[in-house]
């Protein structure tokens, strides 16, 4: 009996040791994969900065050329192809950054129907001849707040997975809908709040998944594919969670798979929705008197920005690095209203540059631009709090709109006082009323007349 006990204990110990070794090996593999992902992210960030500088020049000059050509000019077709190729290249950069989870998120009001429409051609290409693609769009779909590029990425990931689940062909259905989750339905879903949602559904008639696969399908290191693949669904999960949403999955072996992405519905109006081919913007009213200091170590970008700004009436000063920008601030006799600077340059950069410039020009506003990703410029504290940011590559229209927004806040500061002056002239008895402190130009001022 004692011998059996010893043998049993030794066997149990050996089995436990094998399990421990297997678990340790699995953890080591995950650590190696994680390190590879981090290395890829760092490489992607560096490449994106240089690549986006080049794309800024390509897209910017192509738009300027198109703006100067008549609609029937034979040169338009070739230049439009250049612009389109630049836009696609910018999209590829964003795809790479999404994969490495180091993308700069740009949430705006988005119509999911528009996202499906913009990816429709790619979806048909993915489906091929053996798979029937069915698109069902809610005609009165409400808006959500998300990054349009990431939504396209998530949809394409799900469509790719659905295609691979139907090697013999089948039907891929993509639907959008407005739904309302009541308290009872929300309680059945862990961590979900009741309320109004917009749902994107991707359904296939493929091989389906068993319970174990469903339980792990969104884990970054779980895959049924060859090593080094299978991160797509993990990226989808991250994108949806980043938007404040959640995911539901229905699947069974040989019964297909249905994946529903729930996004909180946005009722706010007045924000710009994502659309292509926006109309040209009006000439900014504040441009006539504004002076902008442009700081960028890439000559092509600096020259393009100068040309665009001067076309809109701005006075432009240039510097190739932070130290040169300080010299300009010291030597220029007039006012400088805006510092438009790249983030990563040789020498003085980011928050330290802003601090030094504001010591010389306290009233200057700041707008940073960069092709680097948000983990570099944000997580490392290079920008400082409250500083606005413009992601490269940008179009001339995006640049002007951003600068106009920044300068407009300066231009509108004095408006309340002028409005009050008009009111006082119409109603003289208001002279007896003291002016609120927030509208005074000096501590002793009462009414502006």
Protein backbone atom coordinates (compact mmCIF):
# COMPACT_ATOMS: atom_id res chain seq x y z
CA UNK A 1 0.00 0.00 0.00
CA UNK A 2 2.82 2.39 0.85
CA UNK A 3 4.53 1.56 -2.45
CA UNK A 4 1.36 2.36 -4.40
CA UNK A 5 1.06 5.63 -2.54
CA UNK A 6 4.63 6.56 -3.41
CA UNK A 7 4.18 5.60 -7.07
CA UNK A 8 0.94 7.55 -7.25
CA UNK A 9 2.55 10.62 -5.68
CA UNK A 10 5.53 10.43 -8.02
CA UNK A 11 3.24 10.07 -11.04
CA UNK A 12 1.15 13.03 -9.92
CA UNK A 13 4.32 15.08 -9.38
CA UNK A 14 5.63 14.14 -12.84
CA UNK A 15 2.34 15.08 -14.48
CA UNK A 16 2.25 18.38 -12.61
CA UNK A 17 5.84 19.09 -13.64
CA UNK A 18 4.98 18.44 -17.30
CA UNK A 19 2.05 20.81 -17.04
CA UNK A 20 4.27 23.46 -15.44
CA UNK A 21 6.88 23.06 -18.17
CA UNK A 22 4.22 23.30 -20.89
CA UNK A 23 2.73 26.39 -19.24
CA UNK A 24 6.17 27.99 -18.93
CA UNK A 25 6.94 27.27 -22.58
CA UNK A 26 3.58 28.77 -23.59
CA UNK A 27 4.29 31.90 -21.56
CA UNK A 28 7.75 32.22 -23.09
CA UNK A 29 6.24 32.00 -26.58
CA UNK A 30 3.74 34.72 -25.67
CA UNK A 31 6.51 36.93 -24.33
CA UNK A 32 8.50 36.47 -27.55
CA UNK A 33 5.42 37.28 -29.66
CA UNK A 34 4.74 40.33 -27.51
CA UNK A 35 8.31 41.55 -27.93
CA UNK A 36 8.07 41.03 -31.68
CA UNK A 37 4.85 43.06 -31.74
CA UNK A 38 6.45 45.86 -29.74
CA UNK A 39 9.45 45.89 -32.07
CA UNK A 40 7.12 46.02 -35.08
CA UNK A 41 5.22 48.91 -33.48
CA UNK A 42 8.42 50.90 -32.92
CA UNK A 43 9.51 50.24 -36.50
CA UNK A 44 6.06 51.22 -37.81
CA UNK A 45 6.16 54.47 -35.85
CA UNK A 46 9.52 55.49 -37.30
CA UNK A 47 8.57 54.51 -40.84
CA UNK A 48 5.21 56.26 -40.56
CA UNK A 49 6.85 59.58 -39.65
CA UNK A 50 9.13 59.60 -42.70
CA UNK A 51 6.55 58.10 -45.03
CA UNK A 52 3.82 60.54 -43.94
CA UNK A 53 6.14 63.50 -44.54
CA UNK A 54 6.51 62.36 -48.16
CA UNK A 55 2.79 61.73 -48.50
CA UNK A 56 2.01 65.21 -47.18
CA UNK A 57 4.02 66.67 -50.07
CA UNK A 58 2.49 64.31 -52.68
CA UNK A 59 -1.12 64.87 -51.59
CA UNK A 60 -0.67 68.59 -50.98
CA UNK A 61 0.85 69.44 -54.36
CA UNK A 62 -1.57 67.21 -56.24
CA UNK A 63 -4.52 69.04 -54.67
CA UNK A 64 -2.98 72.41 -55.50
CA UNK A 65 -2.48 71.35 -59.12
CA UNK A 66 -6.07 70.11 -59.38
CA UNK A 67 -7.39 73.36 -57.93
CA UNK A 68 -5.70 75.29 -60.77
CA UNK A 69 -7.00 73.12 -63.62
CA UNK A 70 -10.29 73.37 -65.48
CA UNK A 71 -12.69 70.44 -65.18
CA UNK A 72 -12.06 69.43 -68.79
CA UNK A 73 -8.27 69.76 -68.66
CA UNK A 74 -6.66 66.53 -70.00
CA UNK A 75 -4.04 66.66 -67.25
CA UNK A 76 -6.63 66.22 -64.47
CA UNK A 77 -6.94 62.44 -64.86
CA UNK A 78 -3.25 61.80 -64.26
CA UNK A 79 -3.03 64.20 -61.31
CA UNK A 80 -6.17 62.70 -59.76
CA UNK A 81 -4.51 59.28 -60.00
CA UNK A 82 -1.49 60.67 -58.14
CA UNK A 83 -3.74 62.10 -55.43
CA UNK A 84 -5.69 58.83 -55.17
CA UNK A 85 -2.48 56.81 -54.91
CA UNK A 86 -1.25 59.14 -52.16
CA UNK A 87 -4.51 58.68 -50.27
CA UNK A 88 -4.30 54.91 -50.59
CA UNK A 89 -0.71 54.98 -49.38
CA UNK A 90 -1.81 57.02 -46.36
CA UNK A 91 -4.50 54.42 -45.73
CA UNK A 92 -1.92 51.63 -45.86
CA UNK A 93 0.15 53.46 -43.25
CA UNK A 94 -2.91 53.65 -41.00
CA UNK A 95 -3.58 49.94 -41.57
CA UNK A 96 -0.04 49.13 -40.43
CA UNK A 97 -0.41 51.31 -37.36
CA UNK A 98 -3.76 49.71 -36.56
CA UNK A 99 -2.16 46.27 -36.71
CA UNK A 100 0.58 47.37 -34.32
CA UNK A 101 -1.99 49.14 -32.12
CA UNK A 102 -0.08 52.41 -32.33
CA UNK A 103 -2.43 54.40 -34.54
CA UNK A 104 -3.48 57.98 -33.89
CA UNK A 105 -7.21 57.78 -33.21
CA UNK A 106 -9.32 60.48 -34.90
CA UNK A 107 -12.92 60.02 -33.69
CA UNK A 108 -15.63 61.95 -35.54
CA UNK A 109 -19.33 61.46 -36.20
CA UNK A 110 -19.59 58.51 -38.57
CA UNK A 111 -22.39 56.95 -40.60
CA UNK A 112 -21.78 53.18 -40.63
CA UNK A 113 -23.70 52.93 -43.90
CA UNK A 114 -21.11 55.24 -45.43
CA UNK A 115 -18.31 53.04 -44.06
CA UNK A 116 -19.89 49.97 -45.68
CA UNK A 117 -20.35 51.87 -48.93
CA UNK A 118 -16.70 52.99 -48.99
CA UNK A 119 -15.47 49.42 -48.46
CA UNK A 120 -18.03 47.79 -50.78
CA UNK A 121 -15.62 47.35 -53.68
CA UNK A 122 -13.03 45.72 -51.41
CA UNK A 123 -15.70 43.48 -49.91
CA UNK A 124 -16.75 42.22 -53.33
CA UNK A 125 -13.13 41.59 -54.17
CA UNK A 126 -12.66 39.61 -50.94
CA UNK A 127 -15.82 37.58 -51.52
CA UNK A 128 -14.72 36.39 -54.95
CA UNK A 129 -16.83 34.22 -57.23
CA UNK A 130 -17.81 31.49 -54.74
CA UNK A 131 -19.25 33.74 -52.04
CA UNK A 132 -22.46 35.75 -52.41
CA UNK A 133 -22.22 39.15 -50.73
CA UNK A 134 -25.46 40.55 -49.29
CA UNK A 135 -25.55 44.15 -47.97
CA UNK A 136 -28.53 45.33 -45.89
CA UNK A 137 -28.36 48.91 -44.65
CA UNK A 138 -30.76 50.61 -42.26
CA UNK A 139 -32.09 53.62 -44.24
CA UNK A 140 -32.31 55.92 -41.19
CA UNK A 141 -29.18 54.82 -39.40
CA UNK A 142 -28.00 57.06 -36.55
CA UNK A 143 -24.43 58.29 -36.15
CA UNK A 144 -21.69 56.91 -33.93
CA UNK A 145 -18.42 58.49 -32.82
CA UNK A 146 -15.41 56.54 -34.03
CA UNK A 147 -12.34 56.58 -36.24
CA UNK A 148 -13.54 55.87 -39.80
CA UNK A 149 -10.27 54.22 -40.84
CA UNK A 150 -10.39 51.82 -37.89
CA UNK A 151 -14.01 50.90 -38.64
CA UNK A 152 -13.06 49.98 -42.19
CA UNK A 153 -10.20 47.92 -40.83
CA UNK A 154 -12.50 46.06 -38.44
CA UNK A 155 -15.04 45.33 -41.19
CA UNK A 156 -12.37 44.01 -43.55
CA UNK A 157 -10.91 41.81 -40.80
CA UNK A 158 -14.32 40.26 -40.14
CA UNK A 159 -15.01 39.80 -43.87
CA UNK A 160 -11.63 38.12 -44.35
CA UNK A 161 -12.28 35.72 -41.47
CA UNK A 162 -15.73 34.94 -42.86
CA UNK A 163 -14.29 34.16 -46.28
CA UNK A 164 -11.71 31.77 -44.79
CA UNK A 165 -14.54 29.99 -42.94
CA UNK A 166 -16.27 29.25 -46.29
CA UNK A 167 -13.67 27.42 -48.42
CA UNK A 168 -16.43 25.85 -50.54
CA UNK A 169 -18.36 29.09 -50.91
CA UNK A 170 -21.46 30.43 -49.18
CA UNK A 171 -23.15 33.69 -48.25
CA UNK A 172 -21.60 36.67 -46.48
CA UNK A 173 -24.20 39.10 -45.10
CA UNK A 174 -23.38 42.54 -43.72
CA UNK A 175 -26.13 44.53 -42.01
CA UNK A 176 -26.53 47.80 -40.13
CA UNK A 177 -29.36 48.59 -37.71
CA UNK A 178 -30.51 50.84 -34.87
CA UNK A 179 -31.27 48.94 -31.65
CA UNK A 180 -32.29 49.76 -28.10
CA UNK A 181 -31.09 47.64 -25.19
CA UNK A 182 -33.41 47.74 -22.21
CA UNK A 183 -32.19 47.14 -18.67
CA UNK A 184 -33.09 43.45 -18.71
CA UNK A 185 -31.23 42.81 -21.95
CA UNK A 186 -28.24 44.85 -20.79
CA UNK A 187 -27.97 42.94 -17.51
CA UNK A 188 -27.62 39.72 -19.50
CA UNK A 189 -24.45 41.13 -21.03
CA UNK A 190 -21.52 41.68 -18.72
CA UNK A 191 -20.39 45.31 -18.46
CA UNK A 192 -23.03 46.59 -20.92
CA UNK A 193 -25.15 49.67 -20.23
CA UNK A 194 -28.76 49.96 -21.41
CA UNK A 195 -29.45 52.52 -24.10
CA UNK A 196 -29.41 53.22 -27.84
CA UNK A 197 -26.89 51.49 -30.08
CA UNK A 198 -25.96 51.14 -33.74
CA UNK A 199 -25.14 47.55 -34.72
CA UNK A 200 -22.90 46.27 -37.51
CA UNK A 201 -23.57 42.57 -38.17
CA UNK A 202 -21.31 40.26 -40.17
CA UNK A 203 -22.83 36.81 -40.82
CA UNK A 204 -21.42 33.85 -42.76
CA UNK A 205 -22.64 30.36 -43.62
CA UNK A 206 -19.26 28.75 -43.04
CA UNK A 207 -17.70 26.13 -40.79
CA UNK A 208 -18.61 27.83 -37.52
CA UNK A 209 -16.79 27.53 -34.18
CA UNK A 210 -17.03 25.37 -31.10
CA UNK A 211 -17.45 26.80 -27.60
CA UNK A 212 -13.74 26.72 -26.79
CA UNK A 213 -12.81 28.65 -29.94
CA UNK A 214 -15.54 31.23 -29.27
CA UNK A 215 -14.23 31.74 -25.74
CA UNK A 216 -10.73 32.64 -26.95
CA UNK A 217 -11.31 34.12 -30.42
CA UNK A 218 -10.55 37.73 -29.41
CA UNK A 219 -7.40 36.94 -27.44
CA UNK A 220 -4.35 38.41 -29.20
CA UNK A 221 -2.29 35.20 -29.00
CA UNK A 222 -5.06 32.74 -29.84
CA UNK A 223 -5.32 31.64 -33.46
CA UNK A 224 -6.43 28.69 -35.55
CA UNK A 225 -4.06 29.86 -38.30
CA UNK A 226 -0.34 29.44 -38.70
CA UNK A 227 1.99 31.12 -36.23
CA UNK A 228 2.30 34.88 -36.61
CA UNK A 229 -1.29 35.35 -37.87
CA UNK A 230 -4.66 35.63 -36.21
CA UNK A 231 -4.32 39.13 -34.71
CA UNK A 232 -7.18 40.51 -36.78
CA UNK A 233 -9.99 39.67 -34.35
CA UNK A 234 -7.95 41.00 -31.42
CA UNK A 235 -7.64 44.28 -33.31
CA UNK A 236 -11.41 44.29 -33.97
CA UNK A 237 -12.05 43.84 -30.25
CA UNK A 238 -9.73 46.73 -29.42
CA UNK A 239 -11.36 49.01 -32.00
CA UNK A 240 -14.88 48.36 -30.72
CA UNK A 241 -13.90 48.77 -27.07
CA UNK A 242 -12.10 51.99 -27.96
CA UNK A 243 -15.44 53.31 -29.21
CA UNK A 244 -17.20 52.31 -25.98
CA UNK A 245 -18.98 49.38 -27.62
CA UNK A 246 -19.10 45.62 -27.23
CA UNK A 247 -19.24 42.46 -29.37
CA UNK A 248 -21.62 39.50 -29.48
CA UNK A 249 -20.83 36.20 -31.23
CA UNK A 250 -23.17 33.38 -32.23
CA UNK A 251 -21.62 30.28 -33.77
CA UNK A 252 -21.70 26.52 -33.79
CA UNK A 253 -19.82 23.88 -35.81
CA UNK A 254 -21.15 23.66 -39.39
CA UNK A 255 -23.78 26.34 -38.64
CA UNK A 256 -21.91 29.50 -39.57
CA UNK A 257 -20.98 32.52 -37.47
CA UNK A 258 -22.72 35.80 -36.66
CA UNK A 259 -20.69 38.64 -35.14
CA UNK A 260 -22.43 41.83 -33.99
CA UNK A 261 -20.51 45.00 -33.20
CA UNK A 262 -22.47 47.36 -30.92
CA UNK A 263 -21.56 51.07 -30.91
CA UNK A 264 -23.18 53.73 -28.66
CA UNK A 265 -25.48 55.95 -30.68
CA UNK A 266 -24.60 59.67 -30.80
CA UNK A 267 -27.37 62.26 -30.88
CA UNK A 268 -25.07 65.30 -31.00
CA UNK A 269 -25.46 67.42 -34.10
CA UNK A 270 -23.20 69.99 -35.70
CA UNK A 271 -19.96 68.00 -35.80
CA UNK A 272 -18.45 67.12 -39.15
CA UNK A 273 -19.23 63.62 -40.41
CA UNK A 274 -16.75 61.56 -42.39
CA UNK A 275 -17.22 62.04 -46.11
CA UNK A 276 -15.13 62.11 -49.24
CA UNK A 277 -14.84 65.02 -51.64
CA UNK A 278 -15.82 67.77 -49.23
CA UNK A 279 -16.40 71.17 -50.73
CA UNK A 280 -13.67 73.76 -50.62
CA UNK A 281 -13.68 75.93 -47.51
CA UNK A 282 -14.21 79.65 -47.49
CA UNK A 283 -11.37 82.10 -47.10
CA UNK A 284 -10.73 82.43 -43.33
CA UNK A 285 -11.70 85.83 -41.98
CA UNK A 286 -8.77 85.90 -39.54
CA UNK A 287 -6.10 85.18 -42.14
CA UNK A 288 -5.43 88.76 -43.19
CA UNK A 289 -3.57 89.75 -40.01
CA UNK A 290 -2.22 86.46 -38.67
CA UNK A 291 1.50 85.63 -38.68
CA UNK A 292 2.47 81.95 -38.45
CA UNK A 293 5.87 80.51 -37.58
CA UNK A 294 6.28 77.15 -39.38
CA UNK A 295 8.91 74.81 -37.89
CA UNK A 296 9.74 71.56 -39.69
CA UNK A 297 13.02 69.86 -40.53
CA UNK A 298 11.62 68.48 -43.79
CA UNK A 299 12.13 71.21 -46.46
CA UNK A 300 9.45 69.82 -48.77
CA UNK A 301 6.77 69.93 -46.08
CA UNK A 302 7.88 73.38 -44.90
CA UNK A 303 7.74 74.83 -48.40
CA UNK A 304 4.33 73.31 -49.13
CA UNK A 305 2.86 74.66 -45.89
CA UNK A 306 4.30 78.11 -46.61
CA UNK A 307 2.77 78.19 -50.11
CA UNK A 308 -0.65 77.09 -48.85
CA UNK A 309 -0.71 79.61 -46.00
CA UNK A 310 0.47 82.50 -48.14
CA UNK A 311 -2.27 81.73 -50.66
CA UNK A 312 -4.78 82.31 -47.86
CA UNK A 313 -3.19 85.61 -46.88
CA UNK A 314 -1.16 84.56 -43.85
CA UNK A 315 2.28 85.97 -43.16
CA UNK A 316 4.65 83.01 -42.85
CA UNK A 317 7.97 82.74 -41.01
CA UNK A 318 10.08 79.59 -41.40
CA UNK A 319 12.49 77.62 -39.24
CA UNK A 320 14.15 74.24 -39.80
CA UNK A 321 14.50 73.31 -36.11
CA UNK A 322 13.65 74.49 -32.60
CA UNK A 323 16.73 76.64 -32.01
CA UNK A 324 16.13 78.48 -35.28
CA UNK A 325 12.52 79.05 -34.24
CA UNK A 326 13.73 80.75 -31.04
CA UNK A 327 16.00 83.01 -33.10
CA UNK A 328 13.05 84.00 -35.29
CA UNK A 329 10.98 84.81 -32.20
CA UNK A 330 13.76 87.01 -30.87
CA UNK A 331 14.50 88.83 -34.13
CA UNK A 332 11.07 89.30 -35.72
CA UNK A 333 9.67 92.72 -34.84
CA UNK A 334 5.99 92.00 -35.44
CA UNK A 335 3.48 89.76 -33.67
CA UNK A 336 3.53 85.98 -34.07
CA UNK A 337 0.06 84.53 -33.62
CA UNK A 338 0.65 80.81 -34.16
CA UNK A 339 3.51 78.33 -33.81
CA UNK A 340 2.95 75.48 -36.29
CA UNK A 341 5.63 72.91 -35.54
CA UNK A 342 6.60 69.34 -36.26
CA UNK A 343 6.97 67.23 -33.12
CA UNK A 344 10.08 65.17 -33.79
CA UNK A 345 13.07 67.16 -35.03
CA UNK A 346 16.77 67.48 -34.23
CA UNK A 347 17.37 69.54 -31.10
CA UNK A 348 14.62 71.33 -29.19
CA UNK A 349 11.17 69.75 -29.65
CA UNK A 350 7.70 69.39 -28.17
CA UNK A 351 6.75 70.82 -24.79
CA UNK A 352 10.24 72.29 -24.09
CA UNK A 353 10.06 74.20 -27.40
CA UNK A 354 6.62 75.57 -26.51
CA UNK A 355 7.85 76.67 -23.09
CA UNK A 356 10.81 78.55 -24.57
CA UNK A 357 8.71 80.16 -27.32
CA UNK A 358 6.00 81.27 -24.88
CA UNK A 359 8.66 82.86 -22.69
CA UNK A 360 9.40 85.13 -25.66
CA UNK A 361 5.88 85.29 -27.09
CA UNK A 362 3.37 84.70 -24.26
CA UNK A 363 0.26 85.12 -26.43
CA UNK A 364 1.31 82.74 -29.21
CA UNK A 365 -0.96 79.79 -29.96
CA UNK A 366 0.47 76.34 -30.70
CA UNK A 367 -0.46 73.66 -33.24
CA UNK A 368 1.71 70.57 -33.62
CA UNK A 369 1.87 68.36 -36.72
CA UNK A 370 3.54 64.97 -37.07
CA UNK A 371 3.58 61.68 -38.91
CA UNK A 372 4.55 59.93 -35.67
CA UNK A 373 1.96 57.94 -33.80
CA UNK A 374 0.13 58.83 -30.61
CA UNK A 375 2.21 56.50 -28.39
CA UNK A 376 5.33 58.50 -29.27
CA UNK A 377 3.95 62.03 -29.07
CA UNK A 378 1.34 61.46 -26.36
CA UNK A 379 2.48 58.74 -23.99
CA UNK A 380 5.98 60.21 -23.78
CA UNK A 381 4.67 63.64 -22.87
CA UNK A 382 6.20 65.47 -25.83
CA UNK A 383 3.23 67.74 -26.45
CA UNK A 384 2.18 68.88 -23.02
CA UNK A 385 -1.42 69.43 -21.87
CA UNK A 386 -3.95 71.26 -24.03
CA UNK A 387 -1.83 71.42 -27.18
CA UNK A 388 -3.65 70.81 -30.49
CA UNK A 389 -2.38 68.28 -33.00
CA UNK A 390 -2.66 67.73 -36.78
CA UNK A 391 -1.83 64.28 -38.11
CA UNK A 392 0.30 63.93 -41.24
CA UNK A 393 -0.36 63.43 -44.06
CA UNK A 394 -2.93 66.25 -44.23
CA UNK A 395 -4.62 67.98 -47.14
CA UNK A 396 -4.40 71.75 -47.71
CA UNK A 397 -8.06 71.99 -46.71
CA UNK A 398 -7.47 70.15 -43.41
CA UNK A 399 -4.48 72.40 -42.66
CA UNK A 400 -6.38 75.62 -43.29
CA UNK A 401 -9.44 74.47 -41.34
CA UNK A 402 -7.33 73.50 -38.34
CA UNK A 403 -5.40 76.77 -38.33
CA UNK A 404 -8.60 78.74 -38.79
CA UNK A 405 -10.13 77.01 -35.75
CA UNK A 406 -7.08 77.78 -33.62
CA UNK A 407 -6.87 81.44 -34.64
CA UNK A 408 -10.60 82.01 -34.54
CA UNK A 409 -10.62 81.60 -30.76
CA UNK A 410 -8.13 84.50 -30.59
CA UNK A 411 -10.11 86.64 -33.02
CA UNK A 412 -13.40 86.20 -31.16
CA UNK A 413 -12.18 87.12 -27.69
CA UNK A 414 -13.31 90.75 -27.93
CA UNK A 415 -16.77 90.09 -29.37
CA UNK A 416 -18.76 90.03 -26.07
CA UNK A 417 -17.56 93.57 -25.21
CA UNK A 418 -18.50 94.95 -28.64
CA UNK A 419 -21.95 93.39 -28.45
CA UNK A 420 -22.51 94.94 -25.02
CA UNK A 421 -21.46 98.36 -26.31
CA UNK A 422 -24.16 98.21 -28.98
CA UNK A 423 -26.77 97.15 -26.44
CA UNK A 424 -25.83 99.99 -24.07
CA UNK A 425 -26.26 102.57 -26.85
CA UNK A 426 -29.77 101.24 -27.44
CA UNK A 427 -30.63 101.04 -23.73
CA UNK A 428 -28.78 103.82 -21.81
CA UNK A 429 -30.17 102.75 -18.43
CA UNK A 430 -27.83 99.71 -18.60
CA UNK A 431 -24.94 102.09 -17.76
CA UNK A 432 -25.84 101.68 -14.11
CA UNK A 433 -25.14 97.93 -14.30
CA UNK A 434 -21.60 96.77 -13.56
CA UNK A 435 -19.95 94.49 -16.09
CA UNK A 436 -19.31 90.83 -15.10
CA UNK A 437 -15.67 90.16 -14.31
CA UNK A 438 -15.31 87.71 -17.22
CA UNK A 439 -16.09 90.50 -19.74
CA UNK A 440 -13.84 93.22 -18.33
CA UNK A 441 -10.65 94.28 -20.05
CA UNK A 442 -9.36 95.79 -16.79
CA UNK A 443 -10.20 95.29 -13.08
CA UNK A 444 -11.93 98.72 -12.85
CA UNK A 445 -13.93 98.59 -16.08
CA UNK A 446 -17.72 98.48 -15.85
CA UNK A 447 -19.30 98.83 -19.30
CA UNK A 448 -17.48 98.99 -22.68
CA UNK A 449 -18.60 102.33 -24.18
